[in-house]
Amino acid sequence: MTAAVAYGAPAGRFAVLIPVYNHVGGVVSVVERVLVLGLPVWVVDDGSTDGTAAALEQFSGIQVLRHEKNRGKGEAILTGLAAMNGKADWAVTLDADGQHDPADVPGLMRAIPEGGRPIVIGRREGMMGEDVPWTSRFGRKFSNFWVWAAGGPVLSDTQSGLRIYPLPEATRLGVRARRFQFEVEILVRARWSGIPVVEAPVHVSYTPGMKRISHFRPFVDFCRNSETFSRLIFMRIFRKRGTNK
């Protein structure tokens, strides 16, 4: 009996993918909690310089891939998806900073309809709490609107990193963004390609009094977000024109 069947999810091979960049203080705990799920685990170290690589050496039962230089979260996810392709039918992604609860993964699995091949997004509950950074609250609303405007699905949490991607479909969507913007662009392209996107509630943790390491840079990433959405909207307009010809 596979883990998927045990969790009440559709049959198939599930594996966990954790992209990490300079999260030595959190990734060990995240991996330990993920291993409890009994699923194969892949970690992509995106050029960390803080000892993350050495910290991961204590785990013998996981696959670790490494970029020599930082390439961005999207590139790390793509590296992992490519390596898992053929070895798993579904890739479960979650962040290395500890905000996601691996115990929510079975619930995401059960959100997959029988015979369906959707992308599943973990809709983070409690995102309006006082402990949630304003950048996360603003970014969520900003992203939700522009994903819809670019022809993507109507969702309430387009920035959640706790997801399930179908393989190999997720590797064939032609996503160009390679940093944080990857996670919104893939939703738009999934809708264009007829791949459904569904949401399921998950927990989120922004522990009070604990310094949270974030690689989000408000100005730089706002500009990158704007470039990505402008490109997608431009493409959407010409897709429509081509359809009407």
Protein backbone atom coordinates (compact mmCIF):
# COMPACT_ATOMS: atom_id res chain seq x y z
CA MET A 1 0.00 0.00 0.00
CA THR A 2 1.45 3.38 -1.00
CA ALA A 3 1.50 6.38 1.32
CA ALA A 4 -0.97 8.10 -0.98
CA VAL A 5 -3.53 5.34 -0.55
CA ALA A 6 -2.93 5.32 3.21
CA TYR A 7 -3.74 9.04 3.34
CA GLY A 8 -6.92 8.55 1.34
CA ALA A 9 -5.48 10.35 -1.70
CA PRO A 10 -5.60 9.15 -5.32
CA ALA A 11 -3.12 6.40 -6.14
CA GLY A 12 0.24 7.59 -7.39
CA ARG A 13 3.79 8.22 -6.30
CA PHE A 14 4.14 11.33 -4.14
CA ALA A 15 7.47 12.92 -3.21
CA VAL A 16 8.35 16.09 -1.30
CA LEU A 17 10.50 18.89 -2.75
CA ILE A 18 12.05 21.53 -0.48
CA PRO A 19 13.89 24.45 -2.13
CA VAL A 20 16.27 26.09 0.33
CA TYR A 21 18.55 29.09 0.34
CA ASN A 22 20.38 30.15 3.54
CA HIS A 23 17.90 28.63 5.99
CA VAL A 24 20.30 26.61 8.09
CA GLY A 25 18.31 27.53 11.21
CA GLY A 26 15.07 26.05 9.94
CA VAL A 27 15.63 23.49 7.22
CA VAL A 28 16.77 20.69 9.57
CA SER A 29 13.54 20.89 11.57
CA VAL A 30 11.50 21.05 8.36
CA VAL A 31 13.17 17.95 6.92
CA GLU A 32 12.71 16.04 10.19
CA ARG A 33 8.99 16.82 10.21
CA VAL A 34 8.60 15.96 6.52
CA LEU A 35 10.29 12.58 6.97
CA VAL A 36 7.46 11.60 9.34
CA LEU A 37 5.16 11.53 6.31
CA GLY A 38 7.01 8.51 4.96
CA LEU A 39 7.46 10.03 1.51
CA PRO A 40 10.65 10.41 -0.55
CA VAL A 41 12.26 13.78 0.10
CA TRP A 42 14.28 15.93 -2.31
CA VAL A 43 16.04 19.11 -1.19
CA VAL A 44 17.45 21.61 -3.68
CA ASP A 45 20.08 23.83 -2.07
CA ASP A 46 20.09 26.96 -4.19
CA GLY A 47 23.68 28.03 -3.55
CA SER A 48 23.45 28.51 0.23
CA THR A 49 26.47 30.06 1.94
CA ASP A 50 25.40 29.74 5.60
CA GLY A 51 26.12 26.10 6.37
CA THR A 52 22.89 24.68 4.97
CA ALA A 53 24.77 22.14 2.85
CA ALA A 54 26.67 20.80 5.87
CA ALA A 55 23.49 20.66 7.96
CA LEU A 56 21.77 18.50 5.35
CA GLU A 57 24.57 15.92 5.43
CA GLN A 58 23.12 14.43 8.63
CA PHE A 59 20.21 13.00 6.63
CA SER A 60 21.00 9.79 4.79
CA GLY A 61 17.50 9.10 3.51
CA ILE A 62 16.99 12.20 1.35
CA GLN A 63 18.14 13.31 -2.10
CA VAL A 64 20.07 16.61 -2.08
CA LEU A 65 20.75 18.61 -5.23
CA ARG A 66 22.85 21.75 -5.17
CA HIS A 67 23.29 24.86 -7.29
CA GLU A 68 26.80 26.27 -7.00
CA LYS A 69 25.37 29.79 -7.17
CA ASN A 70 22.00 31.18 -6.18
CA ARG A 71 19.65 31.03 -9.17
CA GLY A 72 16.30 31.75 -7.55
CA LYS A 73 13.46 29.78 -6.00
CA GLY A 74 11.83 29.05 -9.34
CA GLU A 75 15.04 27.60 -10.75
CA ALA A 76 15.43 25.46 -7.63
CA ILE A 77 11.89 24.12 -8.01
CA LEU A 78 12.45 23.38 -11.69
CA THR A 79 15.68 21.54 -10.88
CA GLY A 80 13.81 19.42 -8.38
CA LEU A 81 10.85 18.74 -10.66
CA ALA A 82 13.15 17.68 -13.47
CA ALA A 83 15.04 15.29 -11.20
CA MET A 84 11.81 13.82 -9.76
CA ASN A 85 10.17 13.40 -13.17
CA GLY A 86 9.80 9.70 -13.85
CA LYS A 87 10.37 8.87 -10.18
CA ALA A 88 7.19 10.49 -8.86
CA ASP A 89 3.74 11.32 -10.22
CA TRP A 90 3.19 14.25 -7.86
CA ALA A 91 5.63 16.74 -6.29
CA VAL A 92 4.72 18.30 -2.95
CA THR A 93 6.59 21.58 -2.44
CA LEU A 94 7.02 23.43 0.83
CA ASP A 95 9.31 26.18 2.06
CA ALA A 96 12.36 25.67 4.26
CA ASP A 97 11.62 28.51 6.68
CA GLY A 98 9.18 26.55 8.83
CA GLN A 99 6.02 28.50 8.02
CA HIS A 100 4.32 25.39 6.57
CA ASP A 101 3.13 22.44 8.63
CA PRO A 102 4.01 19.13 6.90
CA ALA A 103 1.03 17.62 8.72
CA ASP A 104 -1.17 19.51 6.23
CA VAL A 105 0.20 17.54 3.27
CA PRO A 106 -2.29 14.63 3.54
CA GLY A 107 -5.14 17.16 3.35
CA LEU A 108 -3.72 18.54 0.11
CA MET A 109 -3.50 15.03 -1.27
CA ARG A 110 -7.16 14.40 -0.48
CA ALA A 111 -8.09 17.58 -2.39
CA ILE A 112 -7.08 15.86 -5.64
CA PRO A 113 -10.26 14.58 -7.32
CA GLU A 114 -10.29 10.97 -8.47
CA GLY A 115 -8.81 10.86 -11.95
CA GLY A 116 -7.90 14.57 -11.85
CA ARG A 117 -4.48 16.12 -12.49
CA PRO A 118 -4.67 19.57 -10.86
CA ILE A 119 -2.18 21.82 -9.16
CA VAL A 120 -3.19 22.01 -5.50
CA ILE A 121 -2.48 25.19 -3.53
CA GLY A 122 -2.34 25.25 0.26
CA ARG A 123 -4.57 28.21 1.13
CA ARG A 124 -2.93 29.66 4.24
CA GLU A 125 -5.41 30.40 7.03
CA GLY A 126 -4.83 33.25 9.49
CA MET A 127 -2.90 35.48 7.10
CA MET A 128 -4.47 38.62 8.59
CA GLY A 129 -2.91 38.04 12.02
CA GLU A 130 -0.70 40.64 13.69
CA ASP A 131 2.35 38.36 13.44
CA VAL A 132 2.11 38.12 9.64
CA PRO A 133 4.50 40.57 7.89
CA TRP A 134 2.74 43.34 5.96
CA THR A 135 4.71 42.37 2.87
CA SER A 136 3.07 38.93 2.94
CA ARG A 137 -0.44 40.35 3.38
CA PHE A 138 0.01 42.95 0.63
CA GLY A 139 1.79 40.57 -1.69
CA ARG A 140 -0.99 38.02 -1.42
CA LYS A 141 -3.71 40.49 -2.49
CA PHE A 142 -1.51 42.03 -5.20
CA SER A 143 -0.68 38.64 -6.64
CA ASN A 144 -4.24 37.28 -6.48
CA PHE A 145 -5.54 40.17 -8.56
CA TRP A 146 -2.85 40.10 -11.23
CA VAL A 147 -2.94 36.33 -11.64
CA TRP A 148 -6.64 36.73 -12.49
CA ALA A 149 -5.94 39.75 -14.75
CA ALA A 150 -3.36 37.73 -16.67
CA GLY A 151 -5.92 35.05 -17.43
CA GLY A 152 -5.09 32.76 -14.56
CA PRO A 153 -7.45 31.12 -12.09
CA VAL A 154 -9.37 33.00 -9.39
CA LEU A 155 -7.61 32.04 -6.16
CA SER A 156 -7.33 33.37 -2.63
CA ASP A 157 -3.64 32.52 -2.03
CA THR A 158 -1.53 32.57 -5.18
CA GLN A 159 1.71 33.00 -3.22
CA SER A 160 1.53 29.95 -1.00
CA GLY A 161 4.57 27.73 -1.40
CA LEU A 162 2.84 24.65 0.00
CA ARG A 163 1.60 22.95 -3.16
CA ILE A 164 1.22 19.76 -5.11
CA TYR A 165 2.29 19.72 -8.76
CA PRO A 166 1.38 16.94 -11.21
CA LEU A 167 4.34 15.38 -12.99
CA PRO A 168 5.33 15.62 -15.77
CA GLU A 169 2.72 18.27 -16.63
CA ALA A 170 4.26 20.96 -14.42
CA THR A 171 7.59 20.69 -16.25
CA ARG A 172 6.03 21.37 -19.66
CA LEU A 173 4.35 24.74 -19.11
CA GLY A 174 7.19 26.93 -20.36
CA VAL A 175 7.43 29.12 -17.26
CA ARG A 176 10.08 31.80 -17.79
CA ALA A 177 10.33 33.34 -14.31
CA ARG A 178 13.12 31.87 -12.22
CA ARG A 179 12.71 33.53 -8.83
CA PHE A 180 9.67 34.03 -6.58
CA GLN A 181 7.61 34.95 -9.63
CA PHE A 182 7.77 31.35 -10.83
CA GLU A 183 5.04 30.39 -8.38
CA VAL A 184 2.53 32.85 -9.84
CA GLU A 185 3.46 32.43 -13.49
CA ILE A 186 2.96 28.67 -13.35
CA LEU A 187 -0.62 29.21 -12.15
CA VAL A 188 -1.40 31.44 -15.12
CA ARG A 189 0.17 29.06 -17.60
CA ALA A 190 -1.64 26.12 -16.01
CA ARG A 191 -4.96 27.83 -16.67
CA TRP A 192 -3.93 28.60 -20.25
CA SER A 193 -3.06 24.92 -20.73
CA GLY A 194 -6.27 23.58 -19.23
CA ILE A 195 -4.70 22.29 -16.02
CA PRO A 196 -7.10 22.96 -13.12
CA VAL A 197 -5.90 24.67 -9.95
CA VAL A 198 -7.65 23.92 -6.66
CA GLU A 199 -7.13 25.16 -3.10
CA ALA A 200 -7.26 23.46 0.28
CA PRO A 201 -6.86 25.09 3.72
CA VAL A 202 -3.52 24.79 5.53
CA HIS A 203 -1.94 26.29 8.62
CA VAL A 204 0.77 28.94 8.58
CA SER A 205 3.24 29.87 11.32
CA TYR A 206 4.90 33.24 11.84
CA THR A 207 6.20 32.65 15.34
CA PRO A 208 6.10 35.79 17.57
CA GLY A 209 9.50 36.91 18.80
CA MET A 210 11.36 34.68 16.39
CA LYS A 211 13.49 36.30 13.72
CA ARG A 212 12.25 35.08 10.37
CA ILE A 213 14.69 35.04 7.49
CA SER A 214 13.08 36.28 4.32
CA HIS A 215 14.75 36.74 0.96
CA PHE A 216 11.88 38.86 -0.32
CA ARG A 217 13.05 42.38 -1.23
CA PRO A 218 10.01 44.67 -1.51
CA PHE A 219 11.26 47.07 -4.20
CA VAL A 220 13.25 44.61 -6.32
CA ASP A 221 10.60 41.91 -6.19
CA PHE A 222 7.78 44.39 -6.81
CA CYS A 223 9.57 45.35 -10.03
CA ARG A 224 10.09 41.70 -10.95
CA ASN A 225 6.43 40.94 -10.21
CA SER A 226 5.36 43.86 -12.37
CA GLU A 227 7.56 42.68 -15.25
CA THR A 228 6.18 39.14 -15.01
CA PHE A 229 2.54 40.19 -14.93
CA SER A 230 3.03 42.74 -17.72
CA ARG A 231 4.57 40.03 -19.89
CA LEU A 232 1.76 37.58 -19.13
CA ILE A 233 -0.98 40.14 -19.80
CA PHE A 234 0.70 41.09 -23.08
CA MET A 235 0.83 37.41 -24.04
CA ARG A 236 -2.80 36.95 -23.05
CA ILE A 237 -3.89 39.79 -25.32
CA PHE A 238 -2.11 38.29 -28.31
CA ARG A 239 -3.40 34.82 -27.47
CA LYS A 240 -6.94 36.18 -27.67
CA ARG A 241 -6.25 37.94 -30.95
CA GLY A 242 -4.84 34.75 -32.38
CA THR A 243 -7.91 32.83 -31.25
CA ASN A 244 -10.25 35.32 -32.91
CA LYS A 245 -8.54 35.16 -36.27
